Amino acid sequence: MEVTEKQDSEIQSSPSRPDASNSIGIVRYGAGNIFSLTSALDRLNIPYGMIHTEADFEHYERYIIPGVGHAGAAMNKLEQTGLVPAIKALKKPTLGICVGMQLMTAYSEEGNADLLNIFPNKTLRFKDNEHYKVPHTGWNRVLQDKENPLFNGIPDGAHFYFVHSYYIEHSNLFTLASTNYTLKYSASIWHDNFYGVQFHPEKSGVFGEKLLANFSKI
């Protein structure tokens, strides 16, 4: 979803330094699904603000790295903000959504790009297949490989909404939940304080909002 100029202005005017213990800082770098995400957080009464500089990180207890579009271009935009070293050093819970999750991997075939390398996995393109459409668009079941508070109260096999042509390879070590579309791949990853989801929780109905609410309490 593209954010209109008016919507983006309204988001910018959101409180930048909420004091609540579950406040979330959203990393702004020009490649985010900001409006749909903030609308979901508003519905859940979860306070949030925007992160533009390294100093902004200290005002929040959790962070979200959103993302839509091209992973290589998104990484270039993120590098231009100067926030990469601060993101890699974060110790508080951090959630990457869609391309935001892919940015946490080591490499993407999309743009032949080196990424944050928080996870050593690669982001690869679905191979063209006469039986499957690329991009993968729509609802798909998410199977939980591990127990984790991020999925508390969410049934194993619940459906979430996906829009992507690239996927993160499955890993027994880092995959938190998986999905099947032409092959088994990571629908969610987890390592220490870093989490990622390939689907869009903000567009995934009640279970998507439950996941965002869970993240606000981790």
N, C-alpha and C. Protein backbone atom coordinates (compact mmCIF):
# COMPACT_ATOMS: atom_id res chain seq x y z
N MET A 1 0.84 -1.19 0.00
CA MET A 1 0.00 0.00 0.00
C MET A 1 0.87 1.24 0.00
N GLU A 2 0.63 2.13 -0.92
CA GLU A 2 1.37 3.38 -0.96
C GLU A 2 0.79 4.35 0.05
N VAL A 3 1.63 5.10 0.70
CA VAL A 3 1.20 6.09 1.68
C VAL A 3 1.06 7.43 0.99
N THR A 4 -0.10 8.03 1.08
CA THR A 4 -0.29 9.34 0.47
C THR A 4 0.45 10.39 1.26
N GLU A 5 0.65 11.57 0.63
CA GLU A 5 1.37 12.65 1.30
C GLU A 5 0.65 13.08 2.57
N LYS A 6 -0.67 13.12 2.51
CA LYS A 6 -1.43 13.51 3.69
C LYS A 6 -1.27 12.49 4.80
N GLN A 7 -1.39 11.20 4.44
CA GLN A 7 -1.26 10.15 5.44
C GLN A 7 0.11 10.18 6.08
N ASP A 8 1.15 10.36 5.26
CA ASP A 8 2.51 10.37 5.79
C ASP A 8 2.69 11.54 6.74
N SER A 9 2.10 12.69 6.42
CA SER A 9 2.18 13.86 7.30
C SER A 9 1.51 13.58 8.63
N GLU A 10 0.36 12.90 8.57
CA GLU A 10 -0.36 12.57 9.80
C GLU A 10 0.46 11.62 10.67
N ILE A 11 1.12 10.65 10.02
CA ILE A 11 1.95 9.71 10.77
C ILE A 11 3.10 10.43 11.42
N GLN A 12 3.72 11.35 10.69
CA GLN A 12 4.85 12.09 11.23
C GLN A 12 4.45 12.86 12.48
N SER A 13 3.16 13.25 12.58
CA SER A 13 2.74 14.04 13.73
C SER A 13 2.39 13.19 14.94
N SER A 14 2.49 11.85 14.79
CA SER A 14 2.23 10.97 15.93
C SER A 14 3.24 11.25 17.03
N PRO A 15 2.87 11.01 18.30
CA PRO A 15 3.82 11.26 19.39
C PRO A 15 5.14 10.53 19.14
N SER A 16 6.25 11.24 19.22
CA SER A 16 7.54 10.64 18.88
C SER A 16 8.22 9.98 20.07
N ARG A 17 7.76 10.29 21.29
CA ARG A 17 8.43 9.72 22.45
C ARG A 17 7.42 9.27 23.50
N PRO A 18 6.59 8.25 23.17
CA PRO A 18 5.64 7.77 24.16
C PRO A 18 6.36 7.17 25.35
N ASP A 19 5.75 7.25 26.53
CA ASP A 19 6.40 6.80 27.75
C ASP A 19 5.98 5.39 28.17
N ALA A 20 4.95 4.83 27.52
CA ALA A 20 4.43 3.53 27.93
C ALA A 20 5.49 2.45 27.75
N SER A 21 5.42 1.43 28.62
CA SER A 21 6.45 0.39 28.61
C SER A 21 6.41 -0.47 27.35
N ASN A 22 5.26 -0.46 26.65
CA ASN A 22 5.17 -1.28 25.44
C ASN A 22 5.30 -0.44 24.18
N SER A 23 5.90 0.76 24.29
CA SER A 23 6.02 1.64 23.14
C SER A 23 6.94 1.04 22.08
N ILE A 24 6.59 1.27 20.82
CA ILE A 24 7.31 0.71 19.68
C ILE A 24 7.85 1.84 18.81
N GLY A 25 9.12 1.75 18.46
CA GLY A 25 9.73 2.68 17.53
C GLY A 25 9.77 2.06 16.15
N ILE A 26 9.22 2.76 15.16
CA ILE A 26 9.20 2.27 13.78
C ILE A 26 10.33 2.93 13.01
N VAL A 27 11.22 2.13 12.45
CA VAL A 27 12.38 2.66 11.73
C VAL A 27 11.91 3.22 10.39
N ARG A 28 12.14 4.51 10.19
CA ARG A 28 11.75 5.19 8.96
C ARG A 28 12.95 5.31 8.04
N TYR A 29 12.86 4.66 6.89
CA TYR A 29 13.98 4.73 5.94
C TYR A 29 13.50 4.80 4.50
N GLY A 30 12.20 5.03 4.31
CA GLY A 30 11.68 5.26 2.98
C GLY A 30 11.22 4.02 2.25
N ALA A 31 11.11 2.88 2.92
CA ALA A 31 10.66 1.66 2.23
C ALA A 31 9.68 0.90 3.10
N GLY A 32 8.88 1.61 3.86
CA GLY A 32 8.03 0.94 4.84
C GLY A 32 6.56 0.94 4.48
N ASN A 33 5.85 -0.10 4.98
CA ASN A 33 4.40 -0.17 4.87
C ASN A 33 3.81 0.54 6.09
N ILE A 34 4.04 1.84 6.16
CA ILE A 34 3.81 2.57 7.41
C ILE A 34 2.33 2.75 7.75
N PHE A 35 1.52 3.17 6.79
CA PHE A 35 0.15 3.53 7.13
C PHE A 35 -0.66 2.34 7.61
N SER A 36 -0.58 1.20 6.92
CA SER A 36 -1.35 0.03 7.34
C SER A 36 -0.85 -0.48 8.69
N LEU A 37 0.45 -0.36 8.92
CA LEU A 37 1.03 -0.80 10.20
C LEU A 37 0.57 0.09 11.34
N THR A 38 0.67 1.40 11.16
CA THR A 38 0.27 2.30 12.25
C THR A 38 -1.23 2.24 12.50
N SER A 39 -2.01 1.97 11.45
CA SER A 39 -3.45 1.81 11.64
C SER A 39 -3.74 0.62 12.53
N ALA A 40 -3.00 -0.47 12.33
CA ALA A 40 -3.18 -1.66 13.17
C ALA A 40 -2.77 -1.37 14.61
N LEU A 41 -1.66 -0.68 14.80
CA LEU A 41 -1.21 -0.34 16.15
C LEU A 41 -2.21 0.59 16.84
N ASP A 42 -2.80 1.50 16.07
CA ASP A 42 -3.84 2.38 16.63
C ASP A 42 -5.04 1.56 17.10
N ARG A 43 -5.46 0.59 16.30
CA ARG A 43 -6.60 -0.25 16.67
C ARG A 43 -6.32 -1.01 17.95
N LEU A 44 -5.05 -1.37 18.16
CA LEU A 44 -4.65 -2.15 19.33
C LEU A 44 -4.27 -1.28 20.52
N ASN A 45 -4.33 0.05 20.34
CA ASN A 45 -3.94 0.99 21.39
C ASN A 45 -2.51 0.79 21.85
N ILE A 46 -1.63 0.43 20.90
CA ILE A 46 -0.21 0.28 21.20
C ILE A 46 0.50 1.57 20.82
N PRO A 47 1.14 2.25 21.78
CA PRO A 47 1.81 3.51 21.46
C PRO A 47 3.05 3.28 20.60
N TYR A 48 3.30 4.21 19.71
CA TYR A 48 4.44 4.09 18.80
C TYR A 48 4.93 5.48 18.41
N GLY A 49 6.11 5.50 17.84
CA GLY A 49 6.69 6.72 17.30
C GLY A 49 7.66 6.35 16.21
N MET A 50 8.27 7.37 15.60
CA MET A 50 9.15 7.14 14.46
C MET A 50 10.63 7.29 14.83
N ILE A 51 11.45 6.44 14.26
CA ILE A 51 12.90 6.51 14.46
C ILE A 51 13.54 7.02 13.18
N HIS A 52 14.18 8.18 13.30
CA HIS A 52 14.88 8.78 12.16
C HIS A 52 16.38 8.84 12.40
N THR A 53 16.78 8.88 13.67
CA THR A 53 18.19 9.02 14.02
C THR A 53 18.57 7.99 15.07
N GLU A 54 19.84 7.78 15.25
CA GLU A 54 20.32 6.81 16.24
C GLU A 54 19.84 7.17 17.63
N ALA A 55 19.78 8.45 17.95
CA ALA A 55 19.36 8.88 19.28
C ALA A 55 17.91 8.51 19.57
N ASP A 56 17.10 8.35 18.52
CA ASP A 56 15.68 8.04 18.73
C ASP A 56 15.48 6.65 19.33
N PHE A 57 16.42 5.73 19.14
CA PHE A 57 16.24 4.37 19.63
C PHE A 57 16.04 4.31 21.13
N GLU A 58 16.68 5.21 21.87
CA GLU A 58 16.64 5.13 23.34
C GLU A 58 15.26 5.43 23.91
N HIS A 59 14.36 5.97 23.09
CA HIS A 59 13.04 6.35 23.60
C HIS A 59 12.01 5.24 23.51
N TYR A 60 12.40 4.06 23.03
CA TYR A 60 11.43 2.98 22.81
C TYR A 60 11.92 1.67 23.41
N GLU A 61 10.96 0.81 23.71
CA GLU A 61 11.26 -0.49 24.32
C GLU A 61 11.30 -1.61 23.30
N ARG A 62 10.75 -1.38 22.12
CA ARG A 62 10.74 -2.36 21.04
C ARG A 62 10.81 -1.61 19.72
N TYR A 63 11.17 -2.36 18.68
CA TYR A 63 11.35 -1.72 17.37
C TYR A 63 10.74 -2.57 16.27
N ILE A 64 10.23 -1.90 15.24
CA ILE A 64 9.74 -2.58 14.05
C ILE A 64 10.48 -2.00 12.84
N ILE A 65 10.99 -2.91 11.99
CA ILE A 65 11.57 -2.51 10.71
C ILE A 65 10.60 -2.98 9.64
N PRO A 66 9.80 -2.06 9.07
CA PRO A 66 8.86 -2.45 8.03
C PRO A 66 9.57 -2.52 6.68
N GLY A 67 8.83 -2.87 5.65
CA GLY A 67 9.45 -2.88 4.33
C GLY A 67 8.54 -3.44 3.27
N VAL A 68 8.53 -2.78 2.12
CA VAL A 68 7.85 -3.30 0.94
C VAL A 68 8.75 -3.02 -0.25
N GLY A 69 8.57 -3.81 -1.32
CA GLY A 69 9.31 -3.52 -2.54
C GLY A 69 10.58 -4.32 -2.69
N HIS A 70 11.62 -3.68 -3.19
CA HIS A 70 12.86 -4.29 -3.62
C HIS A 70 13.87 -4.32 -2.48
N ALA A 71 14.37 -5.52 -2.11
CA ALA A 71 15.26 -5.65 -0.96
C ALA A 71 16.57 -4.88 -1.16
N GLY A 72 17.16 -4.98 -2.35
CA GLY A 72 18.41 -4.27 -2.61
C GLY A 72 18.26 -2.77 -2.48
N ALA A 73 17.16 -2.23 -3.04
CA ALA A 73 16.90 -0.80 -2.95
C ALA A 73 16.60 -0.40 -1.51
N ALA A 74 15.88 -1.25 -0.78
CA ALA A 74 15.58 -0.96 0.62
C ALA A 74 16.85 -0.90 1.45
N MET A 75 17.78 -1.83 1.20
CA MET A 75 19.04 -1.83 1.95
C MET A 75 19.83 -0.56 1.65
N ASN A 76 19.82 -0.13 0.40
CA ASN A 76 20.51 1.10 0.04
C ASN A 76 19.93 2.30 0.79
N LYS A 77 18.61 2.36 0.87
CA LYS A 77 17.96 3.45 1.60
C LYS A 77 18.30 3.39 3.09
N LEU A 78 18.31 2.16 3.64
CA LEU A 78 18.63 2.01 5.05
C LEU A 78 20.06 2.45 5.34
N GLU A 79 20.99 2.11 4.46
CA GLU A 79 22.38 2.52 4.64
C GLU A 79 22.51 4.04 4.59
N GLN A 80 21.71 4.68 3.77
CA GLN A 80 21.78 6.14 3.65
C GLN A 80 21.34 6.85 4.93
N THR A 81 20.53 6.18 5.76
CA THR A 81 20.11 6.80 7.01
C THR A 81 21.21 6.80 8.05
N GLY A 82 22.23 5.94 7.89
CA GLY A 82 23.28 5.82 8.89
C GLY A 82 22.88 5.00 10.10
N LEU A 83 21.72 4.30 10.03
CA LEU A 83 21.21 3.56 11.19
C LEU A 83 21.67 2.11 11.25
N VAL A 84 22.37 1.63 10.23
CA VAL A 84 22.72 0.21 10.17
C VAL A 84 23.52 -0.25 11.39
N PRO A 85 24.60 0.43 11.80
CA PRO A 85 25.34 -0.04 12.99
C PRO A 85 24.46 -0.09 14.24
N ALA A 86 23.59 0.90 14.42
CA ALA A 86 22.72 0.92 15.60
C ALA A 86 21.73 -0.23 15.57
N ILE A 87 21.17 -0.55 14.40
CA ILE A 87 20.22 -1.65 14.29
C ILE A 87 20.89 -2.97 14.62
N LYS A 88 22.08 -3.20 14.09
CA LYS A 88 22.78 -4.47 14.33
C LYS A 88 23.18 -4.63 15.79
N ALA A 89 23.28 -3.52 16.52
CA ALA A 89 23.68 -3.56 17.93
C ALA A 89 22.50 -3.58 18.88
N LEU A 90 21.27 -3.59 18.39
CA LEU A 90 20.09 -3.52 19.25
C LEU A 90 20.01 -4.74 20.17
N LYS A 91 19.59 -4.50 21.41
CA LYS A 91 19.43 -5.57 22.39
C LYS A 91 17.97 -5.73 22.82
N LYS A 92 17.11 -4.81 22.41
CA LYS A 92 15.70 -4.89 22.73
C LYS A 92 14.96 -5.62 21.59
N PRO A 93 13.75 -6.13 21.87
CA PRO A 93 13.01 -6.87 20.84
C PRO A 93 12.83 -6.05 19.56
N THR A 94 13.15 -6.67 18.43
CA THR A 94 13.10 -6.01 17.13
C THR A 94 12.42 -6.93 16.13
N LEU A 95 11.40 -6.41 15.44
CA LEU A 95 10.61 -7.20 14.50
C LEU A 95 10.73 -6.64 13.09
N GLY A 96 11.18 -7.48 12.16
CA GLY A 96 11.19 -7.11 10.75
C GLY A 96 9.96 -7.69 10.06
N ILE A 97 9.30 -6.86 9.24
CA ILE A 97 8.09 -7.29 8.54
C ILE A 97 8.34 -7.29 7.04
N CYS A 98 8.07 -8.41 6.38
CA CYS A 98 8.20 -8.58 4.93
C CYS A 98 9.64 -8.25 4.49
N VAL A 99 9.83 -7.21 3.69
CA VAL A 99 11.20 -6.86 3.29
C VAL A 99 12.03 -6.50 4.51
N GLY A 100 11.40 -5.97 5.56
CA GLY A 100 12.12 -5.69 6.80
C GLY A 100 12.71 -6.94 7.40
N MET A 101 12.04 -8.08 7.25
CA MET A 101 12.59 -9.36 7.69
C MET A 101 13.72 -9.79 6.77
N GLN A 102 13.53 -9.64 5.46
CA GLN A 102 14.56 -10.04 4.51
C GLN A 102 15.85 -9.25 4.72
N LEU A 103 15.73 -7.98 5.12
CA LEU A 103 16.91 -7.16 5.36
C LEU A 103 17.78 -7.73 6.48
N MET A 104 17.19 -8.52 7.36
CA MET A 104 17.97 -9.09 8.46
C MET A 104 18.85 -10.25 8.02
N THR A 105 18.62 -10.78 6.82
CA THR A 105 19.43 -11.90 6.35
C THR A 105 20.76 -11.40 5.80
N ALA A 106 21.59 -12.35 5.38
CA ALA A 106 22.94 -12.00 4.93
C ALA A 106 22.97 -11.49 3.49
N TYR A 107 22.05 -12.00 2.67
CA TYR A 107 22.15 -11.71 1.24
C TYR A 107 20.80 -11.92 0.57
N SER A 108 20.50 -11.11 -0.46
CA SER A 108 19.30 -11.31 -1.25
C SER A 108 19.65 -11.38 -2.73
N GLU A 109 19.01 -12.31 -3.41
CA GLU A 109 19.14 -12.38 -4.85
C GLU A 109 18.50 -11.16 -5.52
N GLU A 110 17.61 -10.50 -4.81
CA GLU A 110 16.95 -9.32 -5.36
C GLU A 110 17.93 -8.14 -5.29
N GLY A 111 18.54 -7.82 -6.41
CA GLY A 111 19.55 -6.77 -6.44
C GLY A 111 20.94 -7.25 -6.12
N ASN A 112 21.09 -8.60 -5.95
CA ASN A 112 22.41 -9.16 -5.62
C ASN A 112 23.03 -8.38 -4.47
N ALA A 113 22.26 -8.25 -3.39
CA ALA A 113 22.58 -7.31 -2.31
C ALA A 113 23.05 -8.00 -1.04
N ASP A 114 24.12 -7.47 -0.45
CA ASP A 114 24.51 -7.84 0.91
C ASP A 114 23.63 -7.06 1.88
N LEU A 115 23.13 -7.76 2.90
CA LEU A 115 22.16 -7.15 3.81
C LEU A 115 22.75 -7.05 5.22
N LEU A 116 21.90 -7.01 6.26
CA LEU A 116 22.36 -6.74 7.61
C LEU A 116 23.15 -7.90 8.22
N ASN A 117 22.91 -9.11 7.76
CA ASN A 117 23.64 -10.30 8.25
C ASN A 117 23.43 -10.54 9.75
N ILE A 118 22.24 -10.21 10.23
CA ILE A 118 21.87 -10.58 11.59
C ILE A 118 21.58 -12.08 11.64
N PHE A 119 20.98 -12.59 10.57
CA PHE A 119 20.78 -14.03 10.34
C PHE A 119 21.66 -14.42 9.16
N PRO A 120 22.33 -15.57 9.21
CA PRO A 120 23.21 -15.96 8.11
C PRO A 120 22.48 -16.50 6.89
N ASN A 121 21.15 -16.58 6.95
CA ASN A 121 20.36 -17.14 5.86
C ASN A 121 20.38 -16.24 4.62
N LYS A 122 19.97 -16.83 3.50
CA LYS A 122 19.86 -16.08 2.25
C LYS A 122 18.39 -15.87 1.89
N THR A 123 18.13 -14.78 1.16
CA THR A 123 16.81 -14.50 0.60
C THR A 123 16.87 -14.80 -0.89
N LEU A 124 16.02 -15.72 -1.32
CA LEU A 124 16.08 -16.25 -2.68
C LEU A 124 14.76 -16.03 -3.41
N ARG A 125 14.81 -16.04 -4.73
CA ARG A 125 13.60 -15.85 -5.53
C ARG A 125 12.90 -17.18 -5.78
N PHE A 126 11.56 -17.17 -5.68
CA PHE A 126 10.81 -18.34 -6.09
C PHE A 126 11.13 -18.65 -7.55
N LYS A 127 11.34 -19.89 -7.87
CA LYS A 127 11.55 -20.27 -9.27
C LYS A 127 10.22 -20.27 -10.01
N ASP A 128 10.24 -19.82 -11.25
CA ASP A 128 9.02 -19.81 -12.06
C ASP A 128 8.50 -21.24 -12.20
N ASN A 129 7.19 -21.39 -12.06
CA ASN A 129 6.58 -22.71 -12.05
C ASN A 129 5.18 -22.60 -12.65
N GLU A 130 4.85 -23.48 -13.56
CA GLU A 130 3.55 -23.39 -14.23
C GLU A 130 2.39 -23.62 -13.28
N HIS A 131 2.65 -24.23 -12.14
CA HIS A 131 1.59 -24.53 -11.18
C HIS A 131 1.45 -23.48 -10.08
N TYR A 132 2.41 -22.58 -9.98
CA TYR A 132 2.38 -21.55 -8.93
C TYR A 132 2.66 -20.19 -9.55
N LYS A 133 1.97 -19.18 -9.07
CA LYS A 133 2.19 -17.83 -9.55
C LYS A 133 3.24 -17.13 -8.68
N VAL A 134 4.08 -16.35 -9.31
CA VAL A 134 5.05 -15.50 -8.61
C VAL A 134 4.76 -14.07 -9.03
N PRO A 135 4.49 -13.16 -8.06
CA PRO A 135 4.69 -13.32 -6.62
C PRO A 135 3.64 -14.21 -5.94
N HIS A 136 4.03 -14.70 -4.78
CA HIS A 136 3.11 -15.41 -3.90
C HIS A 136 2.24 -14.36 -3.23
N THR A 137 0.96 -14.34 -3.58
CA THR A 137 0.05 -13.32 -3.07
C THR A 137 -1.20 -13.99 -2.51
N GLY A 138 -1.51 -13.68 -1.28
CA GLY A 138 -2.73 -14.18 -0.68
C GLY A 138 -2.50 -14.84 0.68
N TRP A 139 -3.51 -15.55 1.14
CA TRP A 139 -3.49 -16.16 2.46
C TRP A 139 -2.85 -17.54 2.41
N ASN A 140 -2.05 -17.84 3.41
CA ASN A 140 -1.41 -19.15 3.48
C ASN A 140 -1.26 -19.56 4.94
N ARG A 141 -1.22 -20.87 5.15
CA ARG A 141 -1.09 -21.40 6.51
C ARG A 141 0.34 -21.23 7.01
N VAL A 142 0.46 -20.89 8.28
CA VAL A 142 1.76 -20.75 8.93
C VAL A 142 1.87 -21.80 10.02
N LEU A 143 2.88 -22.65 9.89
CA LEU A 143 3.10 -23.75 10.82
C LEU A 143 4.23 -23.40 11.78
N GLN A 144 3.98 -23.54 13.05
CA GLN A 144 4.94 -23.11 14.06
C GLN A 144 5.98 -24.21 14.32
N ASP A 145 7.22 -23.92 13.98
CA ASP A 145 8.31 -24.87 14.17
C ASP A 145 8.79 -24.90 15.62
N LYS A 146 8.68 -23.78 16.31
CA LYS A 146 9.14 -23.67 17.70
C LYS A 146 8.08 -22.92 18.52
N GLU A 147 8.13 -23.11 19.82
CA GLU A 147 7.28 -22.33 20.72
C GLU A 147 7.97 -21.00 20.99
N ASN A 148 7.18 -19.93 20.96
CA ASN A 148 7.73 -18.61 21.20
C ASN A 148 6.59 -17.67 21.56
N PRO A 149 6.80 -16.70 22.47
CA PRO A 149 5.74 -15.77 22.85
C PRO A 149 5.16 -14.99 21.68
N LEU A 150 5.88 -14.86 20.58
CA LEU A 150 5.36 -14.11 19.43
C LEU A 150 4.07 -14.74 18.90
N PHE A 151 3.95 -16.06 19.05
CA PHE A 151 2.77 -16.77 18.54
C PHE A 151 1.83 -17.23 19.64
N ASN A 152 1.95 -16.68 20.83
CA ASN A 152 1.03 -17.04 21.92
C ASN A 152 -0.41 -16.80 21.51
N GLY A 153 -1.27 -17.80 21.74
CA GLY A 153 -2.69 -17.64 21.45
C GLY A 153 -3.06 -17.73 19.99
N ILE A 154 -2.09 -18.06 19.13
CA ILE A 154 -2.34 -18.19 17.69
C ILE A 154 -2.29 -19.67 17.33
N PRO A 155 -3.35 -20.23 16.77
CA PRO A 155 -3.36 -21.67 16.46
C PRO A 155 -2.28 -22.04 15.44
N ASP A 156 -1.69 -23.20 15.63
CA ASP A 156 -0.77 -23.71 14.63
C ASP A 156 -1.54 -23.93 13.33
N GLY A 157 -1.01 -23.41 12.21
CA GLY A 157 -1.70 -23.53 10.94
C GLY A 157 -2.63 -22.36 10.65
N ALA A 158 -2.60 -21.32 11.48
CA ALA A 158 -3.41 -20.13 11.21
C ALA A 158 -2.98 -19.49 9.89
N HIS A 159 -3.91 -18.81 9.24
CA HIS A 159 -3.64 -18.18 7.96
C HIS A 159 -3.20 -16.73 8.13
N PHE A 160 -2.18 -16.34 7.35
CA PHE A 160 -1.69 -14.97 7.32
C PHE A 160 -1.56 -14.53 5.86
N TYR A 161 -1.47 -13.21 5.67
CA TYR A 161 -1.48 -12.65 4.31
C TYR A 161 -0.07 -12.35 3.82
N PHE A 162 0.27 -12.90 2.65
CA PHE A 162 1.59 -12.77 2.05
C PHE A 162 1.53 -12.01 0.72
N VAL A 163 2.58 -11.24 0.45
CA VAL A 163 2.80 -10.64 -0.88
C VAL A 163 4.31 -10.58 -1.08
N HIS A 164 4.89 -11.52 -1.85
CA HIS A 164 6.34 -11.51 -2.04
C HIS A 164 6.76 -12.45 -3.16
N SER A 165 7.87 -12.10 -3.78
CA SER A 165 8.48 -12.95 -4.82
C SER A 165 9.75 -13.62 -4.33
N TYR A 166 10.24 -13.20 -3.17
CA TYR A 166 11.47 -13.74 -2.60
C TYR A 166 11.17 -14.32 -1.22
N TYR A 167 11.90 -15.34 -0.86
CA TYR A 167 11.66 -16.04 0.40
C TYR A 167 12.99 -16.27 1.13
N ILE A 168 12.90 -16.48 2.42
CA ILE A 168 14.08 -16.81 3.23
C ILE A 168 14.15 -18.31 3.40
N GLU A 169 15.29 -18.87 3.07
CA GLU A 169 15.46 -20.32 3.12
C GLU A 169 15.16 -20.85 4.53
N HIS A 170 14.61 -22.06 4.57
CA HIS A 170 14.27 -22.68 5.85
C HIS A 170 15.55 -23.06 6.59
N SER A 171 15.52 -22.90 7.91
CA SER A 171 16.68 -23.23 8.75
C SER A 171 16.20 -23.84 10.05
N ASN A 172 16.72 -25.01 10.39
CA ASN A 172 16.34 -25.62 11.66
C ASN A 172 16.74 -24.76 12.85
N LEU A 173 17.77 -23.97 12.69
CA LEU A 173 18.28 -23.14 13.78
C LEU A 173 17.48 -21.86 13.95
N PHE A 174 17.11 -21.21 12.84
CA PHE A 174 16.53 -19.87 12.93
C PHE A 174 15.05 -19.78 12.56
N THR A 175 14.49 -20.78 11.89
CA THR A 175 13.09 -20.70 11.49
C THR A 175 12.19 -20.87 12.71
N LEU A 176 11.34 -19.89 12.94
CA LEU A 176 10.37 -19.94 14.03
C LEU A 176 9.05 -20.54 13.54
N ALA A 177 8.67 -20.20 12.32
CA ALA A 177 7.46 -20.75 11.70
C ALA A 177 7.70 -20.86 10.21
N SER A 178 7.01 -21.79 9.57
CA SER A 178 7.25 -22.05 8.16
C SER A 178 5.95 -22.04 7.36
N THR A 179 6.12 -21.91 6.05
CA THR A 179 5.02 -21.93 5.10
C THR A 179 5.45 -22.74 3.88
N ASN A 180 4.50 -23.32 3.21
CA ASN A 180 4.78 -24.03 1.98
C ASN A 180 4.18 -23.29 0.78
N TYR A 181 5.03 -22.94 -0.17
CA TYR A 181 4.58 -22.39 -1.45
C TYR A 181 5.68 -22.70 -2.47
N THR A 182 5.48 -23.70 -3.23
CA THR A 182 6.45 -24.34 -4.13
C THR A 182 7.52 -25.11 -3.35
N LEU A 183 7.78 -24.68 -2.13
CA LEU A 183 8.73 -25.35 -1.24
C LEU A 183 8.50 -24.85 0.18
N LYS A 184 9.14 -25.49 1.14
CA LYS A 184 9.03 -25.06 2.53
C LYS A 184 10.05 -23.96 2.79
N TYR A 185 9.59 -22.84 3.36
CA TYR A 185 10.50 -21.72 3.63
C TYR A 185 10.11 -21.04 4.95
N SER A 186 10.90 -20.09 5.36
CA SER A 186 10.68 -19.41 6.64
C SER A 186 9.59 -18.36 6.53
N ALA A 187 8.50 -18.56 7.26
CA ALA A 187 7.47 -17.54 7.37
C ALA A 187 7.81 -16.59 8.52
N SER A 188 8.62 -17.10 9.47
CA SER A 188 9.05 -16.28 10.60
C SER A 188 10.40 -16.81 11.07
N ILE A 189 11.27 -15.88 11.48
CA ILE A 189 12.59 -16.25 11.99
C ILE A 189 12.81 -15.60 13.35
N TRP A 190 13.76 -16.17 14.09
CA TRP A 190 14.02 -15.67 15.46
C TRP A 190 15.44 -16.01 15.87
N HIS A 191 16.10 -15.02 16.43
CA HIS A 191 17.43 -15.22 17.02
C HIS A 191 17.64 -14.15 18.08
N ASP A 192 17.78 -14.58 19.34
CA ASP A 192 17.95 -13.64 20.45
C ASP A 192 16.79 -12.65 20.48
N ASN A 193 17.07 -11.36 20.34
CA ASN A 193 16.03 -10.33 20.40
C ASN A 193 15.47 -9.97 19.03
N PHE A 194 15.93 -10.63 17.98
CA PHE A 194 15.49 -10.31 16.62
C PHE A 194 14.45 -11.31 16.13
N TYR A 195 13.35 -10.77 15.61
CA TYR A 195 12.25 -11.55 15.06
C TYR A 195 11.94 -11.05 13.66
N GLY A 196 11.41 -11.93 12.83
CA GLY A 196 10.98 -11.50 11.51
C GLY A 196 9.77 -12.29 11.07
N VAL A 197 8.90 -11.65 10.29
CA VAL A 197 7.76 -12.33 9.68
C VAL A 197 7.70 -11.93 8.21
N GLN A 198 7.55 -12.92 7.33
CA GLN A 198 7.46 -12.63 5.91
C GLN A 198 6.08 -12.10 5.54
N PHE A 199 5.05 -12.57 6.25
CA PHE A 199 3.68 -12.11 6.00
C PHE A 199 3.47 -10.72 6.59
N HIS A 200 2.32 -10.14 6.28
CA HIS A 200 1.97 -8.82 6.81
C HIS A 200 0.96 -8.99 7.95
N PRO A 201 1.40 -8.93 9.20
CA PRO A 201 0.45 -9.09 10.31
C PRO A 201 -0.60 -7.99 10.33
N GLU A 202 -0.22 -6.80 9.87
CA GLU A 202 -1.16 -5.67 9.89
C GLU A 202 -2.28 -5.83 8.87
N LYS A 203 -2.16 -6.83 7.98
CA LYS A 203 -3.19 -7.10 6.98
C LYS A 203 -3.76 -8.51 7.14
N SER A 204 -3.49 -9.14 8.28
CA SER A 204 -3.83 -10.55 8.47
C SER A 204 -4.93 -10.77 9.49
N GLY A 205 -5.80 -9.80 9.67
CA GLY A 205 -6.97 -9.99 10.51
C GLY A 205 -6.64 -10.21 11.97
N VAL A 206 -7.46 -11.01 12.64
CA VAL A 206 -7.38 -11.16 14.09
C VAL A 206 -6.06 -11.80 14.52
N PHE A 207 -5.57 -12.78 13.77
CA PHE A 207 -4.32 -13.43 14.19
C PHE A 207 -3.12 -12.52 13.95
N GLY A 208 -3.17 -11.70 12.91
CA GLY A 208 -2.11 -10.74 12.68
C GLY A 208 -2.04 -9.70 13.79
N GLU A 209 -3.21 -9.23 14.21
CA GLU A 209 -3.24 -8.26 15.31
C GLU A 209 -2.81 -8.91 16.62
N LYS A 210 -3.13 -10.18 16.79
CA LYS A 210 -2.69 -10.89 17.99
C LYS A 210 -1.17 -10.97 18.01
N LEU A 211 -0.55 -11.21 16.86
CA LEU A 211 0.91 -11.28 16.80
C LEU A 211 1.53 -9.93 17.16
N LEU A 212 0.97 -8.84 16.64
CA LEU A 212 1.49 -7.51 16.98
C LEU A 212 1.32 -7.23 18.47
N ALA A 213 0.17 -7.62 19.02
CA ALA A 213 -0.05 -7.44 20.46
C ALA A 213 0.95 -8.27 21.26
N ASN A 214 1.22 -9.49 20.82
CA ASN A 214 2.22 -10.32 21.49
C ASN A 214 3.59 -9.67 21.48
N PHE A 215 3.94 -9.13 20.31
CA PHE A 215 5.26 -8.50 20.20
C PHE A 215 5.39 -7.31 21.16
N SER A 216 4.30 -6.59 21.35
CA SER A 216 4.33 -5.42 22.24
C SER A 216 4.56 -5.79 23.69
N LYS A 217 4.49 -7.10 24.01
CA LYS A 217 4.65 -7.56 25.39
C LYS A 217 5.90 -8.39 25.60
N ILE A 218 6.64 -8.67 24.52
CA ILE A 218 7.86 -9.47 24.64
C ILE A 218 8.94 -8.68 25.39
